[in-house]
Amino acid sequence: MRILLFTGKGGVGKSTIASGTAALAAADGHRTLVLSTDAAHSLADAFGAPVGPEPTEVAPRLFVQQVDAQLRFQQSWADIQRYLLSVLDVAGVDPVAAEELTVIPGAEEVLALLELRLQAMSGRWDVVVVDCAPTAETLRLLALPEALGWYMHRVLPAERRIVKALKPVLTRAAGVPMPGDDVFDAIERLHAELEEALPPGLDVLQVVESPGGSLADRLDASRWTIDVVSAPDVTAAAVEGFLAHDSVLVERMTKKGLREFDCRAAVVSLTVAPHDQGARLELVLRHATTPAVRPDDVLRGLTQVSGLEAGSAPLLTRQAQGPLDPDTGEVGDPLA
C-alpha cells in the first residue's frame, strides 16, 4: 500500500491535485481512498457528491472521507479530558470555559493522524491519498509521534511512579485530584496509536518542491480533442481556411453580457485526424485572452469561416493543461 500526502499553502490547489491523483489511481484499478485532514473540507465539492466521516464510494474503486474531528476526539481523548475537567472544576473554572480549555492545541492534527493510521492498517486500500491542511499544520502533524515520544520515554514513567506513591499526600497538598491509572493508560494508548501511524523505518520515497506561485499561474494553455461528424478531408479544409485568417470574431454570452472577441488569436495549433465515422480535431489553446477562448468558440469560428458541420453534440475533451513550451507549442506538466 502507498500513502501520498499533498500539502502546501492554502489555495494553491492541494485538494484539486489530491482528487485528480486519487481518480487516476482508481481508474488504473487500485482501490483508493482520498482522505481530507483539513478543517475546511472541500472534497465533497471537488467530487460533487455528499461525503461524511466514513469512506464514501463516489466512483468505482474510489472512496472519499472527511475526518470528523469531534467524533475522533471523543474516542481518543475522553479519559484525559474527564480528568482535566475535574481539575478545572476544583479550581472554580466555569464549565463552558473548562470544556474549551481541555481541547488541546493541535488536537485536529492528532485526530487526523489517528484516522490515517486506522485506514492504513485496515487493509482495505491499495492507495491512500491525503488532502492535508496547509503546510504548517501538516508539519506539526508529522512531528507529533516524535514529540510525544520524548515525553513518553523520559518523563511519563517517572511521573507515574511518583504520582502513584504520593497520590494521597499530593491530593491534600495541592487541593486538586491527581491523575489515576486510567488517565496514564489513555495517554500511553494515544501515544501507541500515533507510533503506529508513523512507525520507525517509515520511508519517504520522494519530496517534490513546489516551483513557486499558485497552480493557476502555471496553467498557460490546454490541449483538447474535439470529435466531429464531418469527413476528415472536409474538416481539414475547414481548419486550413480558419488558420489562414489573422482574426476570426465570434460572439458568446458572458457574465458581462454578449461579447464579441477574436477566437483565432488563442489557437496555438489545430490539426485533424480520422476518427470513427468522422474526424478528430487536436487543439491547443492559449489561456491569456479576455475572455478566455473555449474550444466551442473555435468550433463556432470554424463554422463561420467554412460552414463546417460539427454535429449536434460534438465531444470536447480536455486532455491536458499546464505551461506552454514556446518552442514546441506543447502543453507541459504543471507539477514538473
C-alpha atoms as a PDB file:
ATOM      1  CA  MET A   1       0.000   0.000   0.000  1.00  0.00           C
ATOM      2  CA  ARG A   2       1.174   3.544  -0.734  1.00  0.00           C
ATOM      3  CA  ILE A   3       0.275   6.731   1.155  1.00  0.00           C
ATOM      4  CA  LEU A   4       0.532  10.036  -0.744  1.00  0.00           C
ATOM      5  CA  LEU A   5       0.326  13.326   1.167  1.00  0.00           C
ATOM      6  CA  PHE A   6      -0.412  16.609  -0.624  1.00  0.00           C
ATOM      7  CA  THR A   7       0.283  19.783   1.288  1.00  0.00           C
ATOM      8  CA  GLY A   8       1.254  23.407   0.654  1.00  0.00           C
ATOM      9  CA  LYS A   9      -0.090  26.887   1.195  1.00  0.00           C
ATOM     10  CA  GLY A  10      -3.813  27.417   1.249  1.00  0.00           C
ATOM     11  CA  GLY A  11      -5.350  27.995  -2.179  1.00  0.00           C
ATOM     12  CA  VAL A  12      -2.547  26.516  -4.302  1.00  0.00           C
ATOM     13  CA  GLY A  13      -4.627  23.542  -5.485  1.00  0.00           C
ATOM     14  CA  LYS A  14      -3.891  20.765  -2.943  1.00  0.00           C
ATOM     15  CA  SER A  15      -7.443  19.415  -2.974  1.00  0.00           C
ATOM     16  CA  THR A  16      -7.634  19.546  -6.774  1.00  0.00           C
ATOM     17  CA  ILE A  17      -4.374  17.633  -7.210  1.00  0.00           C
ATOM     18  CA  ALA A  18      -5.229  15.129  -4.460  1.00  0.00           C
ATOM     19  CA  SER A  19      -8.641  14.472  -6.028  1.00  0.00           C
ATOM     20  CA  GLY A  20      -7.163  14.073  -9.508  1.00  0.00           C
ATOM     21  CA  THR A  21      -4.427  11.729  -8.274  1.00  0.00           C
ATOM     22  CA  ALA A  22      -6.971   9.584  -6.437  1.00  0.00           C
ATOM     23  CA  ALA A  23      -9.237   9.434  -9.500  1.00  0.00           C
ATOM     24  CA  LEU A  24      -6.318   8.327 -11.713  1.00  0.00           C
ATOM     25  CA  ALA A  25      -5.258   5.663  -9.196  1.00  0.00           C
ATOM     26  CA  ALA A  26      -8.816   4.290  -9.063  1.00  0.00           C
ATOM     27  CA  ALA A  27      -9.063   4.349 -12.858  1.00  0.00           C
ATOM     28  CA  ASP A  28      -5.840   2.285 -13.007  1.00  0.00           C
ATOM     29  CA  GLY A  29      -7.520  -0.425 -10.945  1.00  0.00           C
ATOM     30  CA  HIS A  30      -6.290   0.474  -7.449  1.00  0.00           C
ATOM     31  CA  ARG A  31      -8.729   0.550  -4.548  1.00  0.00           C
ATOM     32  CA  THR A  32      -8.208   4.164  -3.477  1.00  0.00           C
ATOM     33  CA  LEU A  33      -9.169   6.338  -0.516  1.00  0.00           C
ATOM     34  CA  VAL A  34      -8.745  10.126  -0.590  1.00  0.00           C
ATOM     35  CA  LEU A  35      -8.793  11.478   2.968  1.00  0.00           C
ATOM     36  CA  SER A  36      -9.106  15.146   3.956  1.00  0.00           C
ATOM     37  CA  THR A  37      -7.359  16.289   7.160  1.00  0.00           C
ATOM     38  CA  ASP A  38      -8.027  19.976   6.508  1.00  0.00           C
ATOM     39  CA  ALA A  39     -10.590  21.560   8.840  1.00  0.00           C
ATOM     40  CA  ALA A  40     -12.006  23.370   5.793  1.00  0.00           C
ATOM     41  CA  HIS A  41     -13.064  20.240   3.899  1.00  0.00           C
ATOM     42  CA  SER A  42     -13.649  20.673   0.166  1.00  0.00           C
ATOM     43  CA  LEU A  43     -13.572  17.119  -1.219  1.00  0.00           C
ATOM     44  CA  ALA A  44     -17.362  16.931  -1.358  1.00  0.00           C
ATOM     45  CA  ASP A  45     -17.335  19.959  -3.673  1.00  0.00           C
ATOM     46  CA  ALA A  46     -14.470  18.533  -5.742  1.00  0.00           C
ATOM     47  CA  PHE A  47     -16.317  15.282  -6.422  1.00  0.00           C
ATOM     48  CA  GLY A  48     -19.826  16.755  -6.467  1.00  0.00           C
ATOM     49  CA  ALA A  49     -21.059  14.122  -4.002  1.00  0.00           C
ATOM     50  CA  PRO A  50     -22.111  14.024  -0.333  1.00  0.00           C
ATOM     51  CA  VAL A  51     -19.135  12.931   1.795  1.00  0.00           C
ATOM     52  CA  GLY A  52     -19.060  12.134   5.520  1.00  0.00           C
ATOM     53  CA  PRO A  53     -16.738  10.911   8.286  1.00  0.00           C
ATOM     54  CA  GLU A  54     -16.696   7.362   6.889  1.00  0.00           C
ATOM     55  CA  PRO A  55     -15.337   6.322   3.447  1.00  0.00           C
ATOM     56  CA  THR A  56     -17.969   7.004   0.779  1.00  0.00           C
ATOM     57  CA  GLU A  57     -17.733   5.472  -2.702  1.00  0.00           C
ATOM     58  CA  VAL A  58     -18.067   8.184  -5.348  1.00  0.00           C
ATOM     59  CA  ALA A  59     -16.836   6.130  -8.332  1.00  0.00           C
ATOM     60  CA  PRO A  60     -15.688   2.567  -8.973  1.00  0.00           C
ATOM     61  CA  ARG A  61     -12.813   1.792  -6.538  1.00  0.00           C
ATOM     62  CA  LEU A  62     -12.714   5.456  -5.429  1.00  0.00           C
ATOM     63  CA  PHE A  63     -13.708   6.371  -1.858  1.00  0.00           C
ATOM     64  CA  VAL A  64     -13.711   9.779  -0.148  1.00  0.00           C
ATOM     65  CA  GLN A  65     -13.585  10.589   3.577  1.00  0.00           C
ATOM     66  CA  GLN A  66     -13.515  13.837   5.552  1.00  0.00           C
ATOM     67  CA  VAL A  67     -12.181  13.390   9.095  1.00  0.00           C
ATOM     68  CA  ASP A  68     -14.739  14.179  11.802  1.00  0.00           C
ATOM     69  CA  ALA A  69     -12.510  15.763  14.446  1.00  0.00           C
ATOM     70  CA  GLN A  70     -15.244  15.849  17.096  1.00  0.00           C
ATOM     71  CA  LEU A  71     -16.006  12.128  16.807  1.00  0.00           C
ATOM     72  CA  ARG A  72     -12.342  11.091  16.889  1.00  0.00           C
ATOM     73  CA  PHE A  73     -11.753  13.459  19.825  1.00  0.00           C
ATOM     74  CA  GLN A  74     -14.431  11.731  21.862  1.00  0.00           C
ATOM     75  CA  GLN A  75     -12.945   8.324  21.082  1.00  0.00           C
ATOM     76  CA  SER A  76      -9.305   9.136  21.871  1.00  0.00           C
ATOM     77  CA  TRP A  77      -9.283  11.969  24.411  1.00  0.00           C
ATOM     78  CA  ALA A  78     -12.328  11.267  26.605  1.00  0.00           C
ATOM     79  CA  ASP A  79     -10.486   9.792  29.645  1.00  0.00           C
ATOM     80  CA  ILE A  80      -7.860  12.528  29.658  1.00  0.00           C
ATOM     81  CA  GLN A  81     -10.474  15.239  29.208  1.00  0.00           C
ATOM     82  CA  ARG A  82     -12.553  13.939  32.133  1.00  0.00           C
ATOM     83  CA  TYR A  83      -9.552  14.236  34.436  1.00  0.00           C
ATOM     84  CA  LEU A  84      -8.701  17.742  33.222  1.00  0.00           C
ATOM     85  CA  LEU A  85     -12.325  18.820  33.718  1.00  0.00           C
ATOM     86  CA  SER A  86     -12.240  17.556  37.295  1.00  0.00           C
ATOM     87  CA  VAL A  87      -9.091  19.598  37.982  1.00  0.00           C
ATOM     88  CA  LEU A  88     -10.614  22.752  36.494  1.00  0.00           C
ATOM     89  CA  ASP A  89     -13.852  22.183  38.423  1.00  0.00           C
ATOM     90  CA  VAL A  90     -11.934  22.167  41.729  1.00  0.00           C
ATOM     91  CA  ALA A  91     -10.153  25.327  40.605  1.00  0.00           C
ATOM     92  CA  GLY A  92     -13.549  27.008  40.116  1.00  0.00           C
ATOM     93  CA  VAL A  93     -13.335  27.410  36.342  1.00  0.00           C
ATOM     94  CA  ASP A  94     -16.640  27.961  34.545  1.00  0.00           C
ATOM     95  CA  PRO A  95     -17.815  24.642  32.978  1.00  0.00           C
ATOM     96  CA  VAL A  96     -18.122  26.133  29.485  1.00  0.00           C
ATOM     97  CA  ALA A  97     -14.632  27.648  29.666  1.00  0.00           C
ATOM     98  CA  ALA A  98     -13.285  24.378  31.106  1.00  0.00           C
ATOM     99  CA  GLU A  99     -14.714  22.437  28.142  1.00  0.00           C
ATOM    100  CA  GLU A 100     -12.846  24.726  25.753  1.00  0.00           C
ATOM    101  CA  LEU A 101      -9.611  24.632  27.769  1.00  0.00           C
ATOM    102  CA  THR A 102      -9.472  20.828  27.683  1.00  0.00           C
ATOM    103  CA  VAL A 103      -9.350  20.767  23.879  1.00  0.00           C
ATOM    104  CA  ILE A 104      -5.599  20.721  23.338  1.00  0.00           C
ATOM    105  CA  PRO A 105      -3.985  22.928  20.685  1.00  0.00           C
ATOM    106  CA  GLY A 106      -3.236  20.773  17.667  1.00  0.00           C
ATOM    107  CA  ALA A 107      -5.971  18.267  18.542  1.00  0.00           C
ATOM    108  CA  GLU A 108      -7.184  18.226  14.942  1.00  0.00           C
ATOM    109  CA  GLU A 109      -3.735  17.177  13.715  1.00  0.00           C
ATOM    110  CA  VAL A 110      -3.611  14.384  16.314  1.00  0.00           C
ATOM    111  CA  LEU A 111      -7.026  13.087  15.340  1.00  0.00           C
ATOM    112  CA  ALA A 112      -6.268  13.258  11.627  1.00  0.00           C
ATOM    113  CA  LEU A 113      -3.152  11.173  12.181  1.00  0.00           C
ATOM    114  CA  LEU A 114      -5.131   8.603  14.157  1.00  0.00           C
ATOM    115  CA  GLU A 115      -7.691   8.328  11.355  1.00  0.00           C
ATOM    116  CA  LEU A 116      -4.896   7.899   8.806  1.00  0.00           C
ATOM    117  CA  ARG A 117      -3.470   5.118  10.979  1.00  0.00           C
ATOM    118  CA  LEU A 118      -6.847   3.419  11.193  1.00  0.00           C
ATOM    119  CA  GLN A 119      -7.370   3.436   7.422  1.00  0.00           C
ATOM    120  CA  ALA A 120      -3.770   2.460   6.624  1.00  0.00           C
ATOM    121  CA  MET A 121      -3.993  -0.568   8.919  1.00  0.00           C
ATOM    122  CA  SER A 122      -7.437  -1.651   7.709  1.00  0.00           C
ATOM    123  CA  GLY A 123      -6.063  -3.497   4.679  1.00  0.00           C
ATOM    124  CA  ARG A 124      -8.877  -2.112   2.522  1.00  0.00           C
ATOM    125  CA  TRP A 125      -6.797   0.193   0.327  1.00  0.00           C
ATOM    126  CA  ASP A 126      -4.075  -0.034  -2.296  1.00  0.00           C
ATOM    127  CA  VAL A 127      -3.569   3.743  -2.250  1.00  0.00           C
ATOM    128  CA  VAL A 128      -4.409   6.347   0.397  1.00  0.00           C
ATOM    129  CA  VAL A 129      -4.255   9.955  -0.828  1.00  0.00           C
ATOM    130  CA  VAL A 130      -4.206  12.546   1.971  1.00  0.00           C
ATOM    131  CA  ASP A 131      -5.502  16.047   1.250  1.00  0.00           C
ATOM    132  CA  CYS A 132      -3.579  17.757   4.047  1.00  0.00           C
ATOM    133  CA  ALA A 133      -4.123  21.024   5.851  1.00  0.00           C
ATOM    134  CA  PRO A 134      -1.769  23.931   4.954  1.00  0.00           C
ATOM    135  CA  THR A 135       1.967  23.273   5.357  1.00  0.00           C
ATOM    136  CA  ALA A 136       2.489  24.424   8.953  1.00  0.00           C
ATOM    137  CA  GLU A 137      -0.315  22.223  10.290  1.00  0.00           C
ATOM    138  CA  THR A 138       0.927  19.226   8.280  1.00  0.00           C
ATOM    139  CA  LEU A 139       4.487  19.585   9.594  1.00  0.00           C
ATOM    140  CA  ARG A 140       3.109  19.619  13.148  1.00  0.00           C
ATOM    141  CA  LEU A 141       1.067  16.523  12.324  1.00  0.00           C
ATOM    142  CA  LEU A 142       4.093  14.590  11.055  1.00  0.00           C
ATOM    143  CA  ALA A 143       6.208  15.647  14.075  1.00  0.00           C
ATOM    144  CA  LEU A 144       3.655  14.563  16.695  1.00  0.00           C
ATOM    145  CA  PRO A 145       4.816  10.974  17.279  1.00  0.00           C
ATOM    146  CA  GLU A 146       8.430  12.044  17.847  1.00  0.00           C
ATOM    147  CA  ALA A 147       7.471  14.971  20.091  1.00  0.00           C
ATOM    148  CA  LEU A 148       5.115  12.867  22.223  1.00  0.00           C
ATOM    149  CA  GLY A 149       7.621  10.001  22.224  1.00  0.00           C
ATOM    150  CA  TRP A 150      10.214  12.121  24.053  1.00  0.00           C
ATOM    151  CA  TYR A 151       7.713  12.780  26.854  1.00  0.00           C
ATOM    152  CA  MET A 152       6.522   9.155  26.973  1.00  0.00           C
ATOM    153  CA  HIS A 153      10.012   7.630  27.233  1.00  0.00           C
ATOM    154  CA  ARG A 154      11.691  10.163  29.541  1.00  0.00           C
ATOM    155  CA  VAL A 155       9.050  11.824  31.699  1.00  0.00           C
ATOM    156  CA  LEU A 156       5.887   9.722  31.950  1.00  0.00           C
ATOM    157  CA  PRO A 157       7.341   6.589  33.634  1.00  0.00           C
ATOM    158  CA  ALA A 158       8.885   8.569  36.496  1.00  0.00           C
ATOM    159  CA  GLU A 159       5.847  10.829  36.788  1.00  0.00           C
ATOM    160  CA  ARG A 160       3.527   7.836  37.004  1.00  0.00           C
ATOM    161  CA  ARG A 161       5.581   6.225  39.769  1.00  0.00           C
ATOM    162  CA  ILE A 162       5.749   9.460  41.779  1.00  0.00           C
ATOM    163  CA  VAL A 163       2.022  10.147  41.487  1.00  0.00           C
ATOM    164  CA  LYS A 164       1.157   6.578  42.460  1.00  0.00           C
ATOM    165  CA  ALA A 165       3.392   6.669  45.547  1.00  0.00           C
ATOM    166  CA  LEU A 166       2.466  10.170  46.743  1.00  0.00           C
ATOM    167  CA  LYS A 167      -1.126  10.476  45.454  1.00  0.00           C
ATOM    168  CA  PRO A 168      -2.830  10.888  48.889  1.00  0.00           C
ATOM    169  CA  VAL A 169      -0.315  13.497  50.045  1.00  0.00           C
ATOM    170  CA  LEU A 170      -0.312  15.401  46.741  1.00  0.00           C
ATOM    171  CA  THR A 171      -4.112  15.468  46.567  1.00  0.00           C
ATOM    172  CA  ARG A 172      -4.368  17.021  50.031  1.00  0.00           C
ATOM    173  CA  ALA A 173      -1.464  19.411  49.489  1.00  0.00           C
ATOM    174  CA  ALA A 174      -2.461  20.602  46.036  1.00  0.00           C
ATOM    175  CA  GLY A 175      -6.189  20.563  46.643  1.00  0.00           C
ATOM    176  CA  VAL A 176      -6.866  19.015  43.246  1.00  0.00           C
ATOM    177  CA  PRO A 177      -7.309  15.366  42.212  1.00  0.00           C
ATOM    178  CA  MET A 178      -4.214  13.534  40.939  1.00  0.00           C
ATOM    179  CA  PRO A 179      -4.458  11.535  37.706  1.00  0.00           C
ATOM    180  CA  GLY A 180      -5.288   7.846  38.066  1.00  0.00           C
ATOM    181  CA  ASP A 181      -4.089   4.850  36.089  1.00  0.00           C
ATOM    182  CA  ASP A 182      -6.911   5.311  33.569  1.00  0.00           C
ATOM    183  CA  VAL A 183      -5.500   8.729  32.593  1.00  0.00           C
ATOM    184  CA  PHE A 184      -1.951   7.430  32.225  1.00  0.00           C
ATOM    185  CA  ASP A 185      -3.262   4.412  30.282  1.00  0.00           C
ATOM    186  CA  ALA A 186      -5.159   6.752  27.932  1.00  0.00           C
ATOM    187  CA  ILE A 187      -2.009   8.805  27.275  1.00  0.00           C
ATOM    188  CA  GLU A 188       0.019   5.670  26.603  1.00  0.00           C
ATOM    189  CA  ARG A 189      -2.698   4.328  24.319  1.00  0.00           C
ATOM    190  CA  LEU A 190      -2.773   7.602  22.393  1.00  0.00           C
ATOM    191  CA  HIS A 191       0.999   7.511  22.002  1.00  0.00           C
ATOM    192  CA  ALA A 192       0.937   3.891  20.819  1.00  0.00           C
ATOM    193  CA  GLU A 193      -1.649   4.730  18.177  1.00  0.00           C
ATOM    194  CA  LEU A 194       0.421   7.678  16.960  1.00  0.00           C
ATOM    195  CA  GLU A 195       3.535   5.485  16.835  1.00  0.00           C
ATOM    196  CA  GLU A 196       1.661   3.006  14.662  1.00  0.00           C
ATOM    197  CA  ALA A 197       0.571   5.858  12.361  1.00  0.00           C
ATOM    198  CA  LEU A 198       4.207   6.763  11.609  1.00  0.00           C
ATOM    199  CA  PRO A 199       6.327   3.813  12.819  1.00  0.00           C
ATOM    200  CA  PRO A 200      10.163   3.675  12.880  1.00  0.00           C
ATOM    201  CA  GLY A 201      11.527   2.845   9.441  1.00  0.00           C
ATOM    202  CA  LEU A 202       8.908   4.866   7.551  1.00  0.00           C
ATOM    203  CA  ASP A 203      10.486   5.646   4.176  1.00  0.00           C
ATOM    204  CA  VAL A 204       9.926   8.954   2.418  1.00  0.00           C
ATOM    205  CA  LEU A 205      10.178   7.951  -1.236  1.00  0.00           C
ATOM    206  CA  GLN A 206      10.171  11.399  -2.793  1.00  0.00           C
ATOM    207  CA  VAL A 207       9.792  15.023  -1.749  1.00  0.00           C
ATOM    208  CA  VAL A 208       8.646  17.306  -4.564  1.00  0.00           C
ATOM    209  CA  GLU A 209       9.361  21.004  -4.107  1.00  0.00           C
ATOM    210  CA  SER A 210       6.836  23.471  -5.444  1.00  0.00           C
ATOM    211  CA  PRO A 211       8.347  25.721  -8.135  1.00  0.00           C
ATOM    212  CA  GLY A 212       6.616  28.692  -6.514  1.00  0.00           C
ATOM    213  CA  GLY A 213       3.450  30.589  -7.304  1.00  0.00           C
ATOM    214  CA  SER A 214      -0.005  29.068  -7.416  1.00  0.00           C
ATOM    215  CA  LEU A 215      -1.070  26.172  -9.617  1.00  0.00           C
ATOM    216  CA  ALA A 216      -3.271  28.543 -11.628  1.00  0.00           C
ATOM    217  CA  ASP A 217      -0.182  30.592 -12.567  1.00  0.00           C
ATOM    218  CA  ARG A 218       1.273  27.539 -14.340  1.00  0.00           C
ATOM    219  CA  LEU A 219      -1.767  26.835 -16.485  1.00  0.00           C
ATOM    220  CA  ASP A 220      -0.741  28.739 -19.613  1.00  0.00           C
ATOM    221  CA  ALA A 221      -2.551  26.558 -22.141  1.00  0.00           C
ATOM    222  CA  SER A 222      -4.732  23.487 -22.584  1.00  0.00           C
ATOM    223  CA  ARG A 223      -4.832  20.641 -25.103  1.00  0.00           C
ATOM    224  CA  TRP A 224      -8.207  19.397 -26.369  1.00  0.00           C
ATOM    225  CA  THR A 225      -9.653  16.776 -28.651  1.00  0.00           C
ATOM    226  CA  ILE A 226     -12.898  17.567 -30.492  1.00  0.00           C
ATOM    227  CA  ASP A 227     -14.791  14.798 -32.286  1.00  0.00           C
ATOM    228  CA  VAL A 228     -16.966  15.985 -35.189  1.00  0.00           C
ATOM    229  CA  VAL A 229     -19.147  14.195 -37.734  1.00  0.00           C
ATOM    230  CA  SER A 230     -17.636  15.818 -40.825  1.00  0.00           C
ATOM    231  CA  ALA A 231     -15.332  13.743 -43.033  1.00  0.00           C
ATOM    232  CA  PRO A 232     -11.589  14.179 -42.400  1.00  0.00           C
ATOM    233  CA  ASP A 233     -10.921  15.867 -45.765  1.00  0.00           C
ATOM    234  CA  VAL A 234     -13.792  18.323 -45.295  1.00  0.00           C
ATOM    235  CA  THR A 235     -12.653  19.071 -41.739  1.00  0.00           C
ATOM    236  CA  ALA A 236      -9.027  19.535 -42.858  1.00  0.00           C
ATOM    237  CA  ALA A 237     -10.119  22.076 -45.497  1.00  0.00           C
ATOM    238  CA  ALA A 238     -12.120  23.964 -42.859  1.00  0.00           C
ATOM    239  CA  VAL A 239      -9.125  24.041 -40.498  1.00  0.00           C
ATOM    240  CA  GLU A 240      -6.845  25.283 -43.268  1.00  0.00           C
ATOM    241  CA  GLY A 241      -9.266  28.099 -44.033  1.00  0.00           C
ATOM    242  CA  PHE A 242      -9.588  29.003 -40.338  1.00  0.00           C
ATOM    243  CA  LEU A 243      -5.809  29.101 -39.754  1.00  0.00           C
ATOM    244  CA  ALA A 244      -5.331  31.277 -42.837  1.00  0.00           C
ATOM    245  CA  HIS A 245      -7.223  34.106 -41.112  1.00  0.00           C
ATOM    246  CA  ASP A 246      -5.386  36.505 -38.821  1.00  0.00           C
ATOM    247  CA  SER A 247      -8.576  37.099 -36.848  1.00  0.00           C
ATOM    248  CA  VAL A 248     -11.917  35.289 -36.517  1.00  0.00           C
ATOM    249  CA  LEU A 249     -14.560  37.127 -34.498  1.00  0.00           C
ATOM    250  CA  VAL A 250     -17.238  35.164 -32.638  1.00  0.00           C
ATOM    251  CA  GLU A 251     -19.924  36.088 -30.124  1.00  0.00           C
ATOM    252  CA  ARG A 252     -20.751  34.480 -26.794  1.00  0.00           C
ATOM    253  CA  MET A 253     -22.877  35.425 -23.802  1.00  0.00           C
ATOM    254  CA  THR A 254     -20.634  36.115 -20.769  1.00  0.00           C
ATOM    255  CA  LYS A 255     -21.202  37.435 -17.247  1.00  0.00           C
ATOM    256  CA  LYS A 256     -20.858  40.922 -18.690  1.00  0.00           C
ATOM    257  CA  GLY A 257     -23.374  40.276 -21.420  1.00  0.00           C
ATOM    258  CA  LEU A 258     -22.932  39.452 -25.092  1.00  0.00           C
ATOM    259  CA  ARG A 259     -19.250  39.785 -26.069  1.00  0.00           C
ATOM    260  CA  GLU A 260     -17.538  39.729 -29.453  1.00  0.00           C
ATOM    261  CA  PHE A 261     -13.927  38.574 -29.436  1.00  0.00           C
ATOM    262  CA  ASP A 262     -11.211  37.015 -31.572  1.00  0.00           C
ATOM    263  CA  CYS A 263     -11.031  33.220 -31.177  1.00  0.00           C
ATOM    264  CA  ARG A 264      -8.173  32.816 -33.681  1.00  0.00           C
ATOM    265  CA  ALA A 265      -5.520  34.570 -31.571  1.00  0.00           C
ATOM    266  CA  ALA A 266      -5.740  31.964 -28.778  1.00  0.00           C
ATOM    267  CA  VAL A 267      -5.166  28.979 -31.100  1.00  0.00           C
ATOM    268  CA  VAL A 268      -1.581  27.680 -30.788  1.00  0.00           C
ATOM    269  CA  SER A 269      -2.145  24.661 -33.032  1.00  0.00           C
ATOM    270  CA  LEU A 270      -5.069  22.892 -34.719  1.00  0.00           C
ATOM    271  CA  THR A 271      -4.733  19.584 -36.589  1.00  0.00           C
ATOM    272  CA  VAL A 272      -7.095  16.920 -37.981  1.00  0.00           C
ATOM    273  CA  ALA A 273      -7.066  13.115 -37.960  1.00  0.00           C
ATOM    274  CA  PRO A 274      -9.660  10.499 -38.986  1.00  0.00           C
ATOM    275  CA  HIS A 275     -11.761   9.202 -36.095  1.00  0.00           C
ATOM    276  CA  ASP A 276     -14.625   6.670 -36.173  1.00  0.00           C
ATOM    277  CA  GLN A 277     -17.122   7.880 -38.784  1.00  0.00           C
ATOM    278  CA  GLY A 278     -15.847  11.468 -38.736  1.00  0.00           C
ATOM    279  CA  ALA A 279     -12.773  13.428 -37.731  1.00  0.00           C
ATOM    280  CA  ARG A 280     -10.910  14.396 -34.573  1.00  0.00           C
ATOM    281  CA  LEU A 281      -9.508  17.880 -34.048  1.00  0.00           C
ATOM    282  CA  GLU A 282      -6.395  18.256 -31.887  1.00  0.00           C
ATOM    283  CA  LEU A 283      -6.466  21.777 -30.443  1.00  0.00           C
ATOM    284  CA  VAL A 284      -4.017  23.668 -28.217  1.00  0.00           C
ATOM    285  CA  LEU A 285      -5.427  26.882 -26.747  1.00  0.00           C
ATOM    286  CA  ARG A 286      -3.533  29.698 -25.053  1.00  0.00           C
ATOM    287  CA  HIS A 287      -5.273  30.914 -21.872  1.00  0.00           C
ATOM    288  CA  ALA A 288      -4.023  34.506 -21.767  1.00  0.00           C
ATOM    289  CA  THR A 289      -7.007  36.076 -23.523  1.00  0.00           C
ATOM    290  CA  THR A 290     -10.017  38.029 -22.277  1.00  0.00           C
ATOM    291  CA  PRO A 291     -12.475  36.466 -22.267  1.00  0.00           C
ATOM    292  CA  ALA A 292     -10.764  33.073 -22.213  1.00  0.00           C
ATOM    293  CA  VAL A 293     -11.319  31.297 -25.539  1.00  0.00           C
ATOM    294  CA  ARG A 294     -13.016  27.906 -25.227  1.00  0.00           C
ATOM    295  CA  PRO A 295     -12.980  25.016 -27.721  1.00  0.00           C
ATOM    296  CA  ASP A 296     -16.647  25.624 -28.539  1.00  0.00           C
ATOM    297  CA  ASP A 297     -15.658  29.178 -29.553  1.00  0.00           C
ATOM    298  CA  VAL A 298     -13.162  27.691 -32.023  1.00  0.00           C
ATOM    299  CA  LEU A 299     -15.865  25.380 -33.394  1.00  0.00           C
ATOM    300  CA  ARG A 300     -18.115  28.396 -33.851  1.00  0.00           C
ATOM    301  CA  GLY A 301     -15.285  30.158 -35.688  1.00  0.00           C
ATOM    302  CA  LEU A 302     -14.744  27.135 -37.963  1.00  0.00           C
ATOM    303  CA  THR A 303     -18.451  27.118 -38.809  1.00  0.00           C
ATOM    304  CA  GLN A 304     -18.417  30.850 -39.561  1.00  0.00           C
ATOM    305  CA  VAL A 305     -15.360  30.677 -41.802  1.00  0.00           C
ATOM    306  CA  SER A 306     -16.062  27.463 -43.714  1.00  0.00           C
ATOM    307  CA  GLY A 307     -19.516  26.177 -42.798  1.00  0.00           C
ATOM    308  CA  LEU A 308     -18.094  23.115 -41.018  1.00  0.00           C
ATOM    309  CA  GLU A 309     -20.766  20.681 -39.764  1.00  0.00           C
ATOM    310  CA  ALA A 310     -19.639  19.652 -36.277  1.00  0.00           C
ATOM    311  CA  GLY A 311     -22.800  17.707 -35.418  1.00  0.00           C
ATOM    312  CA  SER A 312     -25.482  18.340 -32.801  1.00  0.00           C
ATOM    313  CA  ALA A 313     -23.289  17.315 -29.866  1.00  0.00           C
ATOM    314  CA  PRO A 314     -19.563  17.221 -30.685  1.00  0.00           C
ATOM    315  CA  LEU A 315     -17.451  15.603 -27.968  1.00  0.00           C
ATOM    316  CA  LEU A 316     -14.978  18.039 -26.400  1.00  0.00           C
ATOM    317  CA  THR A 317     -12.343  16.506 -24.099  1.00  0.00           C
ATOM    318  CA  ARG A 318      -9.585  18.362 -22.296  1.00  0.00           C
ATOM    319  CA  GLN A 319      -6.512  16.119 -22.385  1.00  0.00           C
ATOM    320  CA  ALA A 320      -4.023  18.310 -20.534  1.00  0.00           C
ATOM    321  CA  GLN A 321      -3.371  21.771 -19.179  1.00  0.00           C
ATOM    322  CA  GLY A 322      -0.163  23.345 -17.943  1.00  0.00           C
ATOM    323  CA  PRO A 323       2.768  25.520 -19.005  1.00  0.00           C
ATOM    324  CA  LEU A 324       3.160  26.162 -22.736  1.00  0.00           C
ATOM    325  CA  ASP A 325       6.534  25.449 -24.333  1.00  0.00           C
ATOM    326  CA  PRO A 326       7.054  28.418 -26.692  1.00  0.00           C
ATOM    327  CA  ASP A 327       9.414  26.437 -28.935  1.00  0.00           C
ATOM    328  CA  THR A 328       7.387  23.259 -29.460  1.00  0.00           C
ATOM    329  CA  GLY A 329       3.875  24.501 -28.694  1.00  0.00           C
ATOM    330  CA  GLU A 330       3.425  21.503 -26.347  1.00  0.00           C
ATOM    331  CA  VAL A 331       1.495  21.661 -23.080  1.00  0.00           C
ATOM    332  CA  GLY A 332       3.726  20.555 -20.204  1.00  0.00           C
ATOM    333  CA  ASP A 333       3.159  19.115 -16.730  1.00  0.00           C
ATOM    334  CA  PRO A 334       2.171  21.875 -14.259  1.00  0.00           C
ATOM    335  CA  LEU A 335       3.723  19.873 -11.391  1.00  0.00           C
ATOM    336  CA  ALA A 336       7.087  19.224 -13.060  1.00  0.00           C
END
